[in-house]
Amino acid sequence: MGIYLVIEASNGLILIWDKKTSMFIKLSPEFNGRVCGLCGNYDGNTNNDFTTRSQEVVIDALTFGNSWKFSSSCPESTVAVSPCANNPYRQSWAQRQCSIITSSVFSSCHSQVDPSNYYDACVSDSCACDSGGDCECFCTAVAAYAAACNEAGACVAWRTPRICRKSPIPWRHNRADHYLKINRITGNINGA
C-alpha cells in the first residue's frame, strides 16, 4: 500500500495525490511546449515558466500569478506573504525540523539535487501550516525532496517512527515500501 493515489489518463496526463497536501501533475512528452499556466509551459526551459496569460515573460511571482486569475472579480494579490514573518513563533521549529533535508540523512543526494530550495520551501510551508496539519506540511515538503532525490538516482530511507511515519501500522526499518520508488522503465510510482 502506497501513500500516493495515482490516476493515469489515456492522453498522457498523470495525477499524483498524497491524499493530504500535495498534488503532482506529470505530462507525457507529447505535451512538451503545448501547455501554459501556473505550472509553466513544459518546454524544458525554466527561464520562461513565468509566462503570463498575455504571453509576457515576467520575473515577479505576483504579476505572474495575478495574470492567471480565473475571474476578473478575484482581487489582485498585492503582497507576497512570508509565512514565517506571519507566524514567527513557528520559525525555529520549522528550521529545526526541515534541517533533515540538509543533514547527513540525505547526504547521498546532496551532490545530485541541491537541497537549498527544498529546505527553504520546507521552512516556508512548515511556518504556513498553523491551523493544524503542521506535520503533514513538513512531511510533504521533505517527501518532495526525497522524490527529487529518487528521480536523480539517490533513494533515501528517511522516514522513521518519529519522523513522518508512513502509516499507523507499526514501523519496521526493513520494509521495502517506506519510500517512493519510481520505475524508470514505465515511469510508474510504486511504494511510498
Protein backbone atom coordinates (compact mmCIF):
# COMPACT_ATOMS: atom_id res chain seq x y z
CA MET A 1 0.00 0.00 0.00
CA GLY A 2 1.48 3.34 -1.04
CA ILE A 3 0.73 6.81 0.19
CA TYR A 4 0.03 8.13 -3.31
CA LEU A 5 -3.14 7.87 -5.31
CA VAL A 6 -2.14 7.79 -8.99
CA ILE A 7 -4.57 8.42 -11.83
CA GLU A 8 -3.29 7.87 -15.37
CA ALA A 9 -5.38 9.21 -18.24
CA SER A 10 -5.10 7.70 -21.71
CA ASN A 11 -3.93 11.06 -23.14
CA GLY A 12 -0.65 11.04 -21.17
CA LEU A 13 -1.76 13.04 -18.13
CA ILE A 14 -0.90 11.58 -14.72
CA LEU A 15 -2.23 13.00 -11.45
CA ILE A 16 -0.44 12.00 -8.26
CA TRP A 17 -2.02 12.90 -4.91
CA ASP A 18 -0.58 12.14 -1.48
CA LYS A 19 -4.13 12.15 -0.05
CA LYS A 20 -3.16 15.14 2.08
CA THR A 21 -1.45 18.35 1.00
CA SER A 22 0.16 17.77 -2.40
CA MET A 23 -0.97 17.12 -5.95
CA PHE A 24 1.52 16.49 -8.72
CA ILE A 25 0.80 16.61 -12.43
CA LYS A 26 3.01 14.68 -14.84
CA LEU A 27 2.67 15.00 -18.58
CA SER A 28 3.89 12.79 -21.39
CA PRO A 29 6.39 14.31 -23.86
CA GLU A 30 3.54 14.93 -26.32
CA PHE A 31 2.55 17.91 -24.12
CA ASN A 32 6.02 19.48 -24.44
CA GLY A 33 5.52 23.20 -25.19
CA ARG A 34 1.75 22.73 -25.60
CA VAL A 35 0.58 23.77 -22.13
CA CYS A 36 0.57 27.01 -20.18
CA GLY A 37 -0.46 28.35 -16.79
CA LEU A 38 0.71 28.35 -13.21
CA CYS A 39 2.72 25.14 -13.70
CA GLY A 40 4.74 26.56 -16.60
CA ASN A 41 4.81 25.56 -20.25
CA TYR A 42 6.77 22.28 -20.12
CA ASP A 43 9.28 23.23 -22.78
CA GLY A 44 12.39 22.34 -20.76
CA ASN A 45 13.35 25.99 -20.25
CA THR A 46 12.72 27.09 -16.66
CA ASN A 47 13.64 30.69 -17.57
CA ASN A 48 10.28 31.21 -19.30
CA ASP A 49 7.99 29.41 -16.86
CA PHE A 50 6.65 32.73 -15.53
CA THR A 51 4.86 33.46 -18.81
CA THR A 52 1.67 35.43 -18.22
CA ARG A 53 -1.69 34.81 -19.84
CA SER A 54 -0.77 37.55 -22.35
CA GLN A 55 2.46 35.66 -23.27
CA GLU A 56 4.80 38.09 -21.47
CA VAL A 57 7.70 36.57 -19.53
CA VAL A 58 7.97 38.20 -16.09
CA ILE A 59 10.14 37.64 -13.03
CA ASP A 60 7.68 38.81 -10.37
CA ALA A 61 5.61 35.98 -8.88
CA LEU A 62 2.68 38.30 -8.05
CA THR A 63 2.44 39.63 -11.60
CA PHE A 64 2.63 36.10 -12.94
CA GLY A 65 0.06 34.70 -10.50
CA ASN A 66 -2.37 37.58 -10.95
CA SER A 67 -2.27 37.13 -14.74
CA TRP A 68 -3.76 33.66 -14.39
CA LYS A 69 -6.77 34.61 -12.26
CA PHE A 70 -9.86 32.76 -13.40
CA SER A 71 -12.20 35.69 -12.93
CA SER A 72 -11.65 39.44 -13.04
CA SER A 73 -13.81 39.64 -9.90
CA CYS A 74 -10.99 37.95 -7.95
CA PRO A 75 -8.96 40.58 -6.07
CA GLU A 76 -5.35 41.24 -7.06
CA SER A 77 -2.70 39.87 -4.76
CA THR A 78 -0.51 42.81 -3.84
CA VAL A 79 1.94 41.50 -1.27
CA ALA A 80 3.91 38.29 -1.25
CA VAL A 81 3.28 36.86 2.20
CA SER A 82 6.17 35.40 4.16
CA PRO A 83 4.68 32.60 6.27
CA CYS A 84 7.48 32.76 8.85
CA ALA A 85 7.05 36.53 9.23
CA ASN A 86 3.32 35.99 9.77
CA ASN A 87 3.92 33.15 12.25
CA PRO A 88 7.32 33.94 13.84
CA TYR A 89 6.72 31.52 16.72
CA ARG A 90 6.82 28.65 14.17
CA GLN A 91 10.10 29.61 12.52
CA SER A 92 12.59 27.92 14.86
CA TRP A 93 10.51 24.72 14.88
CA ALA A 94 10.30 24.77 11.08
CA GLN A 95 14.03 25.37 10.67
CA ARG A 96 14.89 22.60 13.12
CA GLN A 97 12.52 20.07 11.52
CA CYS A 98 13.47 20.94 7.94
CA SER A 99 17.18 20.67 8.68
CA ILE A 100 16.79 16.94 7.94
CA ILE A 101 16.98 17.96 4.27
CA THR A 102 20.49 19.40 4.69
CA SER A 103 21.60 16.76 7.20
CA SER A 104 23.61 13.58 6.74
CA VAL A 105 20.34 11.65 6.29
CA PHE A 106 20.22 12.99 2.72
CA SER A 107 24.00 13.24 2.16
CA SER A 108 23.89 10.69 -0.67
CA CYS A 109 21.56 13.04 -2.54
CA HIS A 110 23.14 16.45 -1.94
CA SER A 111 25.50 16.16 -4.92
CA GLN A 112 22.60 15.06 -7.14
CA VAL A 113 19.92 17.55 -6.06
CA ASP A 114 20.76 20.86 -4.37
CA PRO A 115 18.86 20.90 -1.07
CA SER A 116 18.78 24.71 -0.69
CA ASN A 117 15.47 25.46 -2.42
CA TYR A 118 13.83 22.40 -0.88
CA TYR A 119 14.96 23.46 2.60
CA ASP A 120 13.64 27.00 2.07
CA ALA A 121 10.32 25.66 0.75
CA CYS A 122 10.08 23.26 3.70
CA VAL A 123 10.59 26.08 6.21
CA SER A 124 8.07 28.28 4.43
CA ASP A 125 5.45 25.52 4.18
CA SER A 126 6.02 24.45 7.78
CA CYS A 127 5.57 28.03 9.01
CA ALA A 128 2.42 28.43 6.91
CA CYS A 129 0.66 25.37 8.32
CA ASP A 130 -0.53 26.97 11.50
CA SER A 131 -4.11 25.76 11.70
CA GLY A 132 -3.49 22.06 12.14
CA GLY A 133 -1.71 19.67 9.84
CA ASP A 134 1.70 21.19 10.56
CA CYS A 135 3.39 17.81 10.48
CA GLU A 136 1.68 16.95 7.19
CA CYS A 137 3.08 20.10 5.59
CA PHE A 138 6.55 19.34 6.91
CA CYS A 139 6.39 15.70 5.82
CA THR A 140 5.11 16.63 2.37
CA ALA A 141 7.96 19.11 1.91
CA VAL A 142 10.60 16.55 2.90
CA ALA A 143 8.91 13.92 0.73
CA ALA A 144 9.21 16.31 -2.24
CA TYR A 145 12.99 16.43 -1.74
CA ALA A 146 13.11 12.65 -1.30
CA ALA A 147 11.18 12.23 -4.56
CA ALA A 148 13.59 14.55 -6.40
CA CYS A 149 16.50 12.56 -4.97
CA ASN A 150 14.89 9.31 -6.06
CA GLU A 151 14.39 10.66 -9.56
CA ALA A 152 18.09 11.58 -9.65
CA GLY A 153 19.02 8.04 -8.60
CA ALA A 154 19.59 8.60 -4.87
CA CYS A 155 16.99 6.65 -2.93
CA VAL A 156 16.96 7.82 0.70
CA ALA A 157 15.18 5.95 3.50
CA TRP A 158 14.38 8.99 5.66
CA ARG A 159 11.11 8.10 7.41
CA THR A 160 11.38 6.83 10.98
CA PRO A 161 8.89 6.06 13.75
CA ARG A 162 9.36 9.67 14.95
CA ILE A 163 9.69 11.47 11.62
CA CYS A 164 6.80 11.25 9.17
CA ARG A 165 5.88 7.66 9.76
CA LYS A 166 4.03 6.45 6.69
CA SER A 167 1.02 4.98 8.45
CA PRO A 168 -0.28 3.94 11.85
CA ILE A 169 0.87 0.39 11.06
CA PRO A 170 3.88 -0.46 13.25
CA TRP A 171 7.06 0.71 11.53
CA ARG A 172 9.74 -1.82 10.59
CA HIS A 173 13.03 -0.49 9.22
CA ASN A 174 13.45 -3.24 6.62
CA ARG A 175 10.11 -2.69 4.93
CA ALA A 176 10.74 -2.20 1.24
CA ASP A 177 7.92 0.27 0.72
CA HIS A 178 8.74 3.11 3.13
CA TYR A 179 9.97 5.42 0.39
CA LEU A 180 8.89 6.47 -3.06
CA LYS A 181 10.14 4.19 -5.80
CA ILE A 182 9.84 5.20 -9.43
CA ASN A 183 10.09 2.51 -12.07
CA ARG A 184 12.49 4.02 -14.61
CA ILE A 185 11.15 1.86 -17.45
CA THR A 186 7.45 2.57 -17.10
CA GLY A 187 7.54 5.81 -15.10
CA ASN A 188 5.05 4.33 -12.65
CA ILE A 189 5.29 5.19 -8.97
CA ASN A 190 5.38 2.29 -6.55
CA GLY A 191 5.62 2.07 -2.79
CA ALA A 192 5.76 5.26 -0.78
